[in-house]
Amino acid sequence: SPRIQAKLARQGMALPLVEEALASLQASGCRRVVVLSLFFANGKE
């Protein structure tokens, strides 16, 4: 969520969005990645 990202950033917690994080991992040379999704159930997100 960009909205949650912005609100946390205003409180001093800087976290990337998903595609930003994937780009960072790719740039670091990572080739095999597991994405642990902290989701309870299916939905739009």
PDB file of all heavy atoms in Angstrom:
ATOM      1  N   SER A   1       0.819  -1.216   0.000  1.00  0.00           N
ATOM      2  CA  SER A   1       0.000   0.000   0.000  1.00  0.00           C
ATOM      3  C   SER A   1       0.856   1.271   0.000  1.00  0.00           C
ATOM      4  O   SER A   1       1.545   1.553   0.989  1.00  0.00           O
ATOM      5  CB  SER A   1      -0.914   0.007   1.229  1.00  0.00           C
ATOM      6  OG  SER A   1      -1.535   1.263   1.387  1.00  0.00           O
ATOM      7  N   PRO A   2       0.793   2.089  -1.057  1.00  0.00           N
ATOM      8  CA  PRO A   2       1.486   3.377  -1.046  1.00  0.00           C
ATOM      9  C   PRO A   2       0.987   4.297   0.065  1.00  0.00           C
ATOM     10  O   PRO A   2       1.763   5.087   0.620  1.00  0.00           O
ATOM     11  CB  PRO A   2       1.168   3.962  -2.427  1.00  0.00           C
ATOM     12  CG  PRO A   2       0.847   2.779  -3.278  1.00  0.00           C
ATOM     13  CD  PRO A   2       0.151   1.812  -2.357  1.00  0.00           C
ATOM     14  N   ARG A   3      -0.295   4.192   0.400  1.00  0.00           N
ATOM     15  CA  ARG A   3      -0.859   5.036   1.465  1.00  0.00           C
ATOM     16  C   ARG A   3      -0.231   4.697   2.810  1.00  0.00           C
ATOM     17  O   ARG A   3       0.167   5.591   3.565  1.00  0.00           O
ATOM     18  CB  ARG A   3      -2.380   4.848   1.520  1.00  0.00           C
ATOM     19  CG  ARG A   3      -3.063   5.618   2.634  1.00  0.00           C
ATOM     20  CD  ARG A   3      -4.561   5.438   2.560  1.00  0.00           C
ATOM     21  NE  ARG A   3      -4.950   4.054   2.672  1.00  0.00           N
ATOM     22  CZ  ARG A   3      -5.114   3.434   3.857  1.00  0.00           C
ATOM     23  NH1 ARG A   3      -4.924   4.083   4.992  1.00  0.00           N
ATOM     24  NH2 ARG A   3      -5.493   2.173   3.897  1.00  0.00           N
ATOM     25  N   ILE A   4      -0.114   3.406   3.117  1.00  0.00           N
ATOM     26  CA  ILE A   4       0.516   2.995   4.361  1.00  0.00           C
ATOM     27  C   ILE A   4       1.996   3.359   4.345  1.00  0.00           C
ATOM     28  O   ILE A   4       2.553   3.816   5.352  1.00  0.00           O
ATOM     29  CB  ILE A   4       0.335   1.480   4.579  1.00  0.00           C
ATOM     30  CG1 ILE A   4      -1.147   1.129   4.739  1.00  0.00           C
ATOM     31  CG2 ILE A   4       1.137   1.008   5.789  1.00  0.00           C
ATOM     32  CD1 ILE A   4      -1.803   1.735   5.967  1.00  0.00           C
ATOM     33  N   GLN A   5       2.643   3.191   3.209  1.00  0.00           N
ATOM     34  CA  GLN A   5       4.056   3.544   3.082  1.00  0.00           C
ATOM     35  C   GLN A   5       4.278   5.010   3.442  1.00  0.00           C
ATOM     36  O   GLN A   5       5.200   5.353   4.189  1.00  0.00           O
ATOM     37  CB  GLN A   5       4.548   3.279   1.661  1.00  0.00           C
ATOM     38  CG  GLN A   5       6.037   3.583   1.457  1.00  0.00           C
ATOM     39  CD  GLN A   5       6.412   3.690  -0.015  1.00  0.00           C
ATOM     40  OE1 GLN A   5       5.670   4.270  -0.816  1.00  0.00           O
ATOM     41  NE2 GLN A   5       7.556   3.125  -0.377  1.00  0.00           N
ATOM     42  N   ALA A   6       3.430   5.887   2.900  1.00  0.00           N
ATOM     43  CA  ALA A   6       3.586   7.318   3.143  1.00  0.00           C
ATOM     44  C   ALA A   6       3.360   7.667   4.615  1.00  0.00           C
ATOM     45  O   ALA A   6       4.087   8.478   5.197  1.00  0.00           O
ATOM     46  CB  ALA A   6       2.618   8.098   2.261  1.00  0.00           C
ATOM     47  N   LYS A   7       2.356   7.042   5.234  1.00  0.00           N
ATOM     48  CA  LYS A   7       2.052   7.334   6.639  1.00  0.00           C
ATOM     49  C   LYS A   7       3.171   6.853   7.558  1.00  0.00           C
ATOM     50  O   LYS A   7       3.544   7.534   8.520  1.00  0.00           O
ATOM     51  CB  LYS A   7       0.722   6.696   7.036  1.00  0.00           C
ATOM     52  CG  LYS A   7      -0.483   7.386   6.413  1.00  0.00           C
ATOM     53  CD  LYS A   7      -1.798   6.823   6.939  1.00  0.00           C
ATOM     54  CE  LYS A   7      -2.988   7.592   6.382  1.00  0.00           C
ATOM     55  NZ  LYS A   7      -4.272   7.091   6.912  1.00  0.00           N
ATOM     56  N   LEU A   8       3.724   5.685   7.275  1.00  0.00           N
ATOM     57  CA  LEU A   8       4.832   5.194   8.085  1.00  0.00           C
ATOM     58  C   LEU A   8       6.080   6.046   7.885  1.00  0.00           C
ATOM     59  O   LEU A   8       6.833   6.304   8.840  1.00  0.00           O
ATOM     60  CB  LEU A   8       5.126   3.730   7.739  1.00  0.00           C
ATOM     61  CG  LEU A   8       4.082   2.705   8.173  1.00  0.00           C
ATOM     62  CD1 LEU A   8       4.458   1.315   7.672  1.00  0.00           C
ATOM     63  CD2 LEU A   8       3.920   2.674   9.697  1.00  0.00           C
ATOM     64  N   ALA A   9       6.313   6.495   6.663  1.00  0.00           N
ATOM     65  CA  ALA A   9       7.484   7.325   6.371  1.00  0.00           C
ATOM     66  C   ALA A   9       7.434   8.628   7.155  1.00  0.00           C
ATOM     67  O   ALA A   9       8.473   9.118   7.636  1.00  0.00           O
ATOM     68  CB  ALA A   9       7.564   7.600   4.871  1.00  0.00           C
ATOM     69  N   ARG A  10       6.241   9.190   7.308  1.00  0.00           N
ATOM     70  CA  ARG A  10       6.102  10.439   8.078  1.00  0.00           C
ATOM     71  C   ARG A  10       6.427  10.229   9.552  1.00  0.00           C
ATOM     72  O   ARG A  10       6.705  11.181  10.280  1.00  0.00           O
ATOM     73  CB  ARG A  10       4.687  11.000   7.922  1.00  0.00           C
ATOM     74  CG  ARG A  10       4.432  11.618   6.548  1.00  0.00           C
ATOM     75  CD  ARG A  10       3.191  12.475   6.537  1.00  0.00           C
ATOM     76  NE  ARG A  10       1.972  11.709   6.656  1.00  0.00           N
ATOM     77  CZ  ARG A  10       1.288  11.221   5.620  1.00  0.00           C
ATOM     78  NH1 ARG A  10       1.728  11.426   4.379  1.00  0.00           N
ATOM     79  NH2 ARG A  10       0.179  10.547   5.802  1.00  0.00           N
ATOM     80  N   GLN A  11       6.398   8.971   9.997  1.00  0.00           N
ATOM     81  CA  GLN A  11       6.735   8.648  11.389  1.00  0.00           C
ATOM     82  C   GLN A  11       8.157   8.097  11.513  1.00  0.00           C
ATOM     83  O   GLN A  11       8.546   7.611  12.568  1.00  0.00           O
ATOM     84  CB  GLN A  11       5.740   7.616  11.920  1.00  0.00           C
ATOM     85  CG  GLN A  11       4.294   8.102  11.912  1.00  0.00           C
ATOM     86  CD  GLN A  11       3.321   6.980  12.223  1.00  0.00           C
ATOM     87  OE1 GLN A  11       3.238   6.489  13.352  1.00  0.00           O
ATOM     88  NE2 GLN A  11       2.569   6.549  11.209  1.00  0.00           N
ATOM     89  N   GLY A  12       8.920   8.173  10.420  1.00  0.00           N
ATOM     90  CA  GLY A  12      10.317   7.768  10.472  1.00  0.00           C
ATOM     91  C   GLY A  12      10.591   6.331  10.083  1.00  0.00           C
ATOM     92  O   GLY A  12      11.734   5.870  10.205  1.00  0.00           O
ATOM     93  N   MET A  13       9.572   5.594   9.612  1.00  0.00           N
ATOM     94  CA  MET A  13       9.776   4.206   9.186  1.00  0.00           C
ATOM     95  C   MET A  13       9.718   4.154   7.661  1.00  0.00           C
ATOM     96  O   MET A  13       8.653   4.271   7.061  1.00  0.00           O
ATOM     97  CB  MET A  13       8.721   3.279   9.787  1.00  0.00           C
ATOM     98  CG  MET A  13       8.868   1.825   9.330  1.00  0.00           C
ATOM     99  SD  MET A  13       7.651   0.699  10.071  1.00  0.00           S
ATOM    100  CE  MET A  13       8.395   0.417  11.680  1.00  0.00           C
ATOM    101  N   ALA A  14      10.876   3.983   7.036  1.00  0.00           N
ATOM    102  CA  ALA A  14      10.959   3.959   5.573  1.00  0.00           C
ATOM    103  C   ALA A  14      10.992   2.519   5.077  1.00  0.00           C
ATOM    104  O   ALA A  14      11.917   1.766   5.383  1.00  0.00           O
ATOM    105  CB  ALA A  14      12.202   4.700   5.107  1.00  0.00           C
ATOM    106  N   LEU A  15       9.965   2.140   4.326  1.00  0.00           N
ATOM    107  CA  LEU A  15       9.881   0.801   3.749  1.00  0.00           C
ATOM    108  C   LEU A  15       9.536   0.911   2.274  1.00  0.00           C
ATOM    109  O   LEU A  15       8.742   1.773   1.880  1.00  0.00           O
ATOM    110  CB  LEU A  15       8.810  -0.037   4.463  1.00  0.00           C
ATOM    111  CG  LEU A  15       9.119  -0.493   5.889  1.00  0.00           C
ATOM    112  CD1 LEU A  15       7.877  -1.102   6.525  1.00  0.00           C
ATOM    113  CD2 LEU A  15      10.265  -1.494   5.896  1.00  0.00           C
ATOM    114  N   PRO A  16      10.110   0.042   1.440  1.00  0.00           N
ATOM    115  CA  PRO A  16       9.805   0.100   0.015  1.00  0.00           C
ATOM    116  C   PRO A  16       8.464  -0.540  -0.313  1.00  0.00           C
ATOM    117  O   PRO A  16       7.933  -1.327   0.478  1.00  0.00           O
ATOM    118  CB  PRO A  16      10.953  -0.702  -0.612  1.00  0.00           C
ATOM    119  CG  PRO A  16      11.278  -1.729   0.445  1.00  0.00           C
ATOM    120  CD  PRO A  16      11.089  -1.016   1.760  1.00  0.00           C
ATOM    121  N   LEU A  17       7.947  -0.215  -1.476  1.00  0.00           N
ATOM    122  CA  LEU A  17       6.835  -0.961  -2.027  1.00  0.00           C
ATOM    123  C   LEU A  17       7.388  -2.234  -2.664  1.00  0.00           C
ATOM    124  O   LEU A  17       8.596  -2.390  -2.825  1.00  0.00           O
ATOM    125  CB  LEU A  17       6.080  -0.117  -3.051  1.00  0.00           C
ATOM    126  CG  LEU A  17       5.376   1.129  -2.502  1.00  0.00           C
ATOM    127  CD1 LEU A  17       4.786   1.945  -3.636  1.00  0.00           C
ATOM    128  CD2 LEU A  17       4.308   0.756  -1.483  1.00  0.00           C
ATOM    129  N   VAL A  18       6.513  -3.144  -3.039  1.00  0.00           N
ATOM    130  CA  VAL A  18       6.937  -4.466  -3.509  1.00  0.00           C
ATOM    131  C   VAL A  18       7.885  -4.379  -4.696  1.00  0.00           C
ATOM    132  O   VAL A  18       8.963  -4.990  -4.700  1.00  0.00           O
ATOM    133  CB  VAL A  18       5.707  -5.325  -3.878  1.00  0.00           C
ATOM    134  CG1 VAL A  18       6.145  -6.639  -4.524  1.00  0.00           C
ATOM    135  CG2 VAL A  18       4.860  -5.603  -2.634  1.00  0.00           C
ATOM    136  N   GLU A  19       7.519  -3.619  -5.704  1.00  0.00           N
ATOM    137  CA  GLU A  19       8.349  -3.567  -6.901  1.00  0.00           C
ATOM    138  C   GLU A  19       9.675  -2.879  -6.625  1.00  0.00           C
ATOM    139  O   GLU A  19      10.698  -3.213  -7.249  1.00  0.00           O
ATOM    140  CB  GLU A  19       7.583  -2.903  -8.039  1.00  0.00           C
ATOM    141  CG  GLU A  19       6.396  -3.751  -8.516  1.00  0.00           C
ATOM    142  CD  GLU A  19       5.765  -3.216  -9.777  1.00  0.00           C
ATOM    143  OE1 GLU A  19       5.711  -1.978  -9.925  1.00  0.00           O
ATOM    144  OE2 GLU A  19       5.324  -4.026 -10.611  1.00  0.00           O
ATOM    145  N   GLU A  20       9.687  -1.918  -5.714  1.00  0.00           N
ATOM    146  CA  GLU A  20      10.947  -1.288  -5.327  1.00  0.00           C
ATOM    147  C   GLU A  20      11.870  -2.287  -4.641  1.00  0.00           C
ATOM    148  O   GLU A  20      13.081  -2.311  -4.884  1.00  0.00           O
ATOM    149  CB  GLU A  20      10.665  -0.105  -4.386  1.00  0.00           C
ATOM    150  CG  GLU A  20       9.898   1.037  -5.046  1.00  0.00           C
ATOM    151  CD  GLU A  20       9.398   2.073  -4.051  1.00  0.00           C
ATOM    152  OE1 GLU A  20       9.332   1.760  -2.837  1.00  0.00           O
ATOM    153  OE2 GLU A  20       9.061   3.192  -4.487  1.00  0.00           O
ATOM    154  N   ALA A  21      11.298  -3.127  -3.793  1.00  0.00           N
ATOM    155  CA  ALA A  21      12.097  -4.143  -3.098  1.00  0.00           C
ATOM    156  C   ALA A  21      12.630  -5.185  -4.072  1.00  0.00           C
ATOM    157  O   ALA A  21      13.783  -5.617  -3.974  1.00  0.00           O
ATOM    158  CB  ALA A  21      11.258  -4.811  -2.015  1.00  0.00           C
ATOM    159  N   LEU A  22      11.805  -5.612  -5.021  1.00  0.00           N
ATOM    160  CA  LEU A  22      12.256  -6.582  -6.013  1.00  0.00           C
ATOM    161  C   LEU A  22      13.383  -6.008  -6.865  1.00  0.00           C
ATOM    162  O   LEU A  22      14.350  -6.713  -7.193  1.00  0.00           O
ATOM    163  CB  LEU A  22      11.082  -7.004  -6.896  1.00  0.00           C
ATOM    164  CG  LEU A  22      10.039  -7.910  -6.235  1.00  0.00           C
ATOM    165  CD1 LEU A  22       8.810  -8.055  -7.136  1.00  0.00           C
ATOM    166  CD2 LEU A  22      10.627  -9.279  -5.911  1.00  0.00           C
ATOM    167  N   ALA A  23      13.267  -4.739  -7.223  1.00  0.00           N
ATOM    168  CA  ALA A  23      14.323  -4.096  -8.001  1.00  0.00           C
ATOM    169  C   ALA A  23      15.627  -4.045  -7.211  1.00  0.00           C
ATOM    170  O   ALA A  23      16.711  -4.265  -7.764  1.00  0.00           O
ATOM    171  CB  ALA A  23      13.895  -2.686  -8.411  1.00  0.00           C
ATOM    172  N   SER A  24      15.513  -3.786  -5.899  1.00  0.00           N
ATOM    173  CA  SER A  24      16.703  -3.754  -5.051  1.00  0.00           C
ATOM    174  C   SER A  24      17.362  -5.126  -4.957  1.00  0.00           C
ATOM    175  O   SER A  24      18.592  -5.251  -5.032  1.00  0.00           O
ATOM    176  CB  SER A  24      16.321  -3.258  -3.650  1.00  0.00           C
ATOM    177  OG  SER A  24      17.422  -3.317  -2.765  1.00  0.00           O
ATOM    178  N   LEU A  25      16.554  -6.162  -4.812  1.00  0.00           N
ATOM    179  CA  LEU A  25      17.101  -7.524  -4.739  1.00  0.00           C
ATOM    180  C   LEU A  25      17.764  -7.918  -6.057  1.00  0.00           C
ATOM    181  O   LEU A  25      18.823  -8.548  -6.068  1.00  0.00           O
ATOM    182  CB  LEU A  25      15.990  -8.509  -4.375  1.00  0.00           C
ATOM    183  CG  LEU A  25      15.436  -8.411  -2.951  1.00  0.00           C
ATOM    184  CD1 LEU A  25      14.238  -9.326  -2.784  1.00  0.00           C
ATOM    185  CD2 LEU A  25      16.502  -8.737  -1.918  1.00  0.00           C
ATOM    186  N   GLN A  26      17.136  -7.549  -7.143  1.00  0.00           N
ATOM    187  CA  GLN A  26      17.710  -7.856  -8.449  1.00  0.00           C
ATOM    188  C   GLN A  26      19.050  -7.140  -8.625  1.00  0.00           C
ATOM    189  O   GLN A  26      20.030  -7.732  -9.093  1.00  0.00           O
ATOM    190  CB  GLN A  26      16.751  -7.441  -9.561  1.00  0.00           C
ATOM    191  CG  GLN A  26      17.239  -7.800 -10.965  1.00  0.00           C
ATOM    192  CD  GLN A  26      16.347  -7.233 -12.048  1.00  0.00           C
ATOM    193  OE1 GLN A  26      15.769  -6.163 -11.885  1.00  0.00           O
ATOM    194  NE2 GLN A  26      16.242  -7.951 -13.154  1.00  0.00           N
ATOM    195  N   ALA A  27      19.105  -5.876  -8.219  1.00  0.00           N
ATOM    196  CA  ALA A  27      20.341  -5.105  -8.339  1.00  0.00           C
ATOM    197  C   ALA A  27      21.451  -5.666  -7.456  1.00  0.00           C
ATOM    198  O   ALA A  27      22.639  -5.522  -7.773  1.00  0.00           O
ATOM    199  CB  ALA A  27      20.071  -3.645  -7.972  1.00  0.00           C
ATOM    200  N   SER A  28      21.057  -6.331  -6.360  1.00  0.00           N
ATOM    201  CA  SER A  28      22.038  -6.930  -5.452  1.00  0.00           C
ATOM    202  C   SER A  28      22.548  -8.279  -5.952  1.00  0.00           C
ATOM    203  O   SER A  28      23.408  -8.890  -5.313  1.00  0.00           O
ATOM    204  CB  SER A  28      21.425  -7.102  -4.061  1.00  0.00           C
ATOM    205  OG  SER A  28      21.062  -5.852  -3.514  1.00  0.00           O
ATOM    206  N   GLY A  29      21.986  -8.743  -7.058  1.00  0.00           N
ATOM    207  CA  GLY A  29      22.430  -9.997  -7.631  1.00  0.00           C
ATOM    208  C   GLY A  29      21.674 -11.218  -7.158  1.00  0.00           C
ATOM    209  O   GLY A  29      22.073 -12.354  -7.453  1.00  0.00           O
ATOM    210  N   CYS A  30      20.572 -11.017  -6.438  1.00  0.00           N
ATOM    211  CA  CYS A  30      19.781 -12.161  -5.969  1.00  0.00           C
ATOM    212  C   CYS A  30      19.040 -12.774  -7.155  1.00  0.00           C
ATOM    213  O   CYS A  30      18.446 -12.066  -7.969  1.00  0.00           O
ATOM    214  CB  CYS A  30      18.782 -11.717  -4.897  1.00  0.00           C
ATOM    215  SG  CYS A  30      19.570 -11.077  -3.400  1.00  0.00           S
ATOM    216  N   ARG A  31      19.055 -14.102  -7.220  1.00  0.00           N
ATOM    217  CA  ARG A  31      18.445 -14.795  -8.346  1.00  0.00           C
ATOM    218  C   ARG A  31      17.293 -15.704  -7.936  1.00  0.00           C
ATOM    219  O   ARG A  31      16.448 -16.047  -8.759  1.00  0.00           O
ATOM    220  CB  ARG A  31      19.502 -15.648  -9.079  1.00  0.00           C
ATOM    221  CG  ARG A  31      20.684 -14.872  -9.618  1.00  0.00           C
ATOM    222  CD  ARG A  31      20.245 -13.763 -10.544  1.00  0.00           C
ATOM    223  NE  ARG A  31      19.393 -14.258 -11.621  1.00  0.00           N
ATOM    224  CZ  ARG A  31      18.539 -13.505 -12.304  1.00  0.00           C
ATOM    225  NH1 ARG A  31      18.400 -12.232 -12.010  1.00  0.00           N
ATOM    226  NH2 ARG A  31      17.812 -14.023 -13.275  1.00  0.00           N
ATOM    227  N   ARG A  32      17.269 -16.139  -6.677  1.00  0.00           N
ATOM    228  CA  ARG A  32      16.231 -17.063  -6.200  1.00  0.00           C
ATOM    229  C   ARG A  32      15.600 -16.467  -4.944  1.00  0.00           C
ATOM    230  O   ARG A  32      16.226 -16.440  -3.875  1.00  0.00           O
ATOM    231  CB  ARG A  32      16.830 -18.446  -5.952  1.00  0.00           C
ATOM    232  CG  ARG A  32      17.289 -19.145  -7.223  1.00  0.00           C
ATOM    233  CD  ARG A  32      18.110 -20.381  -6.960  1.00  0.00           C
ATOM    234  NE  ARG A  32      19.382 -20.052  -6.315  1.00  0.00           N
ATOM    235  CZ  ARG A  32      20.451 -19.590  -6.983  1.00  0.00           C
ATOM    236  NH1 ARG A  32      20.393 -19.415  -8.289  1.00  0.00           N
ATOM    237  NH2 ARG A  32      21.566 -19.319  -6.344  1.00  0.00           N
ATOM    238  N   VAL A  33      14.373 -16.004  -5.082  1.00  0.00           N
ATOM    239  CA  VAL A  33      13.718 -15.219  -4.032  1.00  0.00           C
ATOM    240  C   VAL A  33      12.419 -15.892  -3.591  1.00  0.00           C
ATOM    241  O   VAL A  33      11.614 -16.319  -4.424  1.00  0.00           O
ATOM    242  CB  VAL A  33      13.409 -13.789  -4.535  1.00  0.00           C
ATOM    243  CG1 VAL A  33      12.736 -12.966  -3.431  1.00  0.00           C
ATOM    244  CG2 VAL A  33      14.686 -13.106  -5.019  1.00  0.00           C
ATOM    245  N   VAL A  34      12.223 -15.960  -2.274  1.00  0.00           N
ATOM    246  CA  VAL A  34      10.955 -16.387  -1.705  1.00  0.00           C
ATOM    247  C   VAL A  34      10.241 -15.156  -1.159  1.00  0.00           C
ATOM    248  O   VAL A  34      10.828 -14.371  -0.395  1.00  0.00           O
ATOM    249  CB  VAL A  34      11.147 -17.414  -0.574  1.00  0.00           C
ATOM    250  CG1 VAL A  34       9.819 -17.675   0.144  1.00  0.00           C
ATOM    251  CG2 VAL A  34      11.697 -18.719  -1.129  1.00  0.00           C
ATOM    252  N   VAL A  35       9.002 -14.967  -1.565  1.00  0.00           N
ATOM    253  CA  VAL A  35       8.178 -13.850  -1.080  1.00  0.00           C
ATOM    254  C   VAL A  35       7.209 -14.403  -0.043  1.00  0.00           C
ATOM    255  O   VAL A  35       6.294 -15.160  -0.376  1.00  0.00           O
ATOM    256  CB  VAL A  35       7.414 -13.174  -2.235  1.00  0.00           C
ATOM    257  CG1 VAL A  35       6.592 -11.987  -1.704  1.00  0.00           C
ATOM    258  CG2 VAL A  35       8.381 -12.721  -3.322  1.00  0.00           C
ATOM    259  N   LEU A  36       7.423 -14.037   1.210  1.00  0.00           N
ATOM    260  CA  LEU A  36       6.540 -14.457   2.300  1.00  0.00           C
ATOM    261  C   LEU A  36       5.436 -13.418   2.443  1.00  0.00           C
ATOM    262  O   LEU A  36       5.677 -12.297   2.900  1.00  0.00           O
ATOM    263  CB  LEU A  36       7.328 -14.584   3.605  1.00  0.00           C
ATOM    264  CG  LEU A  36       6.516 -14.918   4.858  1.00  0.00           C
ATOM    265  CD1 LEU A  36       5.845 -16.281   4.724  1.00  0.00           C
ATOM    266  CD2 LEU A  36       7.393 -14.862   6.109  1.00  0.00           C
ATOM    267  N   SER A  37       4.232 -13.776   2.037  1.00  0.00           N
ATOM    268  CA  SER A  37       3.116 -12.827   2.093  1.00  0.00           C
ATOM    269  C   SER A  37       2.396 -12.948   3.430  1.00  0.00           C
ATOM    270  O   SER A  37       1.924 -14.023   3.787  1.00  0.00           O
ATOM    271  CB  SER A  37       2.141 -13.081   0.941  1.00  0.00           C
ATOM    272  OG  SER A  37       1.542 -14.357   1.044  1.00  0.00           O
ATOM    273  N   LEU A  38       2.326 -11.846   4.144  1.00  0.00           N
ATOM    274  CA  LEU A  38       1.638 -11.830   5.440  1.00  0.00           C
ATOM    275  C   LEU A  38       0.180 -11.412   5.224  1.00  0.00           C
ATOM    276  O   LEU A  38      -0.257 -10.340   5.633  1.00  0.00           O
ATOM    277  CB  LEU A  38       2.354 -10.877   6.411  1.00  0.00           C
ATOM    278  CG  LEU A  38       3.835 -11.175   6.658  1.00  0.00           C
ATOM    279  CD1 LEU A  38       4.394 -10.251   7.742  1.00  0.00           C
ATOM    280  CD2 LEU A  38       4.053 -12.636   7.038  1.00  0.00           C
ATOM    281  N   PHE A  39      -0.540 -12.304   4.559  1.00  0.00           N
ATOM    282  CA  PHE A  39      -1.951 -12.072   4.261  1.00  0.00           C
ATOM    283  C   PHE A  39      -2.776 -13.184   4.887  1.00  0.00           C
ATOM    284  O   PHE A  39      -2.401 -14.355   4.828  1.00  0.00           O
ATOM    285  CB  PHE A  39      -2.197 -12.014   2.752  1.00  0.00           C
ATOM    286  CG  PHE A  39      -1.759 -10.726   2.121  1.00  0.00           C
ATOM    287  CD1 PHE A  39      -0.419 -10.490   1.853  1.00  0.00           C
ATOM    288  CD2 PHE A  39      -2.679  -9.746   1.812  1.00  0.00           C
ATOM    289  CE1 PHE A  39      -0.002  -9.299   1.285  1.00  0.00           C
ATOM    290  CE2 PHE A  39      -2.284  -8.552   1.238  1.00  0.00           C
ATOM    291  CZ  PHE A  39      -0.937  -8.319   0.973  1.00  0.00           C
ATOM    292  N   PHE A  40      -3.899 -12.807   5.445  1.00  0.00           N
ATOM    293  CA  PHE A  40      -4.756 -13.775   6.110  1.00  0.00           C
ATOM    294  C   PHE A  40      -5.640 -14.520   5.121  1.00  0.00           C
ATOM    295  O   PHE A  40      -5.830 -15.732   5.227  1.00  0.00           O
ATOM    296  CB  PHE A  40      -5.618 -13.066   7.162  1.00  0.00           C
ATOM    297  CG  PHE A  40      -6.266 -14.002   8.138  1.00  0.00           C
ATOM    298  CD1 PHE A  40      -5.562 -14.435   9.252  1.00  0.00           C
ATOM    299  CD2 PHE A  40      -7.551 -14.466   7.943  1.00  0.00           C
ATOM    300  CE1 PHE A  40      -6.147 -15.317  10.146  1.00  0.00           C
ATOM    301  CE2 PHE A  40      -8.136 -15.342   8.834  1.00  0.00           C
ATOM    302  CZ  PHE A  40      -7.432 -15.765   9.941  1.00  0.00           C
ATOM    303  N   ALA A  41      -6.182 -13.791   4.167  1.00  0.00           N
ATOM    304  CA  ALA A  41      -7.111 -14.404   3.207  1.00  0.00           C
ATOM    305  C   ALA A  41      -6.981 -13.724   1.860  1.00  0.00           C
ATOM    306  O   ALA A  41      -6.355 -12.669   1.721  1.00  0.00           O
ATOM    307  CB  ALA A  41      -8.549 -14.287   3.718  1.00  0.00           C
ATOM    308  N   ASN A  42      -7.575 -14.335   0.848  1.00  0.00           N
ATOM    309  CA  ASN A  42      -7.592 -13.740  -0.489  1.00  0.00           C
ATOM    310  C   ASN A  42      -8.353 -12.420  -0.466  1.00  0.00           C
ATOM    311  O   ASN A  42      -9.246 -12.195   0.353  1.00  0.00           O
ATOM    312  CB  ASN A  42      -8.266 -14.689  -1.482  1.00  0.00           C
ATOM    313  CG  ASN A  42      -7.359 -15.830  -1.888  1.00  0.00           C
ATOM    314  OD1 ASN A  42      -6.243 -15.596  -2.348  1.00  0.00           O
ATOM    315  ND2 ASN A  42      -7.812 -17.057  -1.718  1.00  0.00           N
ATOM    316  N   GLY A  43      -8.002 -11.544  -1.394  1.00  0.00           N
ATOM    317  CA  GLY A  43      -8.668 -10.256  -1.508  1.00  0.00           C
ATOM    318  C   GLY A  43      -7.969  -9.410  -2.557  1.00  0.00           C
ATOM    319  O   GLY A  43      -7.063  -9.867  -3.255  1.00  0.00           O
ATOM    320  N   LYS A  44      -8.370  -8.156  -2.675  1.00  0.00           N
ATOM    321  CA  LYS A  44      -7.826  -7.283  -3.712  1.00  0.00           C
ATOM    322  C   LYS A  44      -6.327  -7.062  -3.547  1.00  0.00           C
ATOM    323  O   LYS A  44      -5.573  -7.047  -4.534  1.00  0.00           O
ATOM    324  CB  LYS A  44      -8.564  -5.941  -3.702  1.00  0.00           C
ATOM    325  CG  LYS A  44     -10.001  -6.025  -4.201  1.00  0.00           C
ATOM    326  CD  LYS A  44     -10.651  -4.652  -4.230  1.00  0.00           C
ATOM    327  CE  LYS A  44     -12.089  -4.739  -4.763  1.00  0.00           C
ATOM    328  NZ  LYS A  44     -12.742  -3.400  -4.784  1.00  0.00           N
ATOM    329  N   GLU A  45      -5.875  -6.854  -2.308  1.00  0.00           N
ATOM    330  CA  GLU A  45      -4.447  -6.612  -2.105  1.00  0.00           C
ATOM    331  C   GLU A  45      -3.625  -7.843  -2.461  1.00  0.00           C
ATOM    332  O   GLU A  45      -2.526  -7.733  -3.017  1.00  0.00           O
ATOM    333  CB  GLU A  45      -4.181  -6.196  -0.649  1.00  0.00           C
ATOM    334  CG  GLU A  45      -4.613  -4.792  -0.315  1.00  0.00           C
ATOM    335  CD  GLU A  45      -3.859  -3.730  -1.120  1.00  0.00           C
ATOM    336  OE1 GLU A  45      -2.633  -3.852  -1.251  1.00  0.00           O
ATOM    337  OE2 GLU A  45      -4.509  -2.794  -1.607  1.00  0.00           O
TER     338      GLU A  45
END
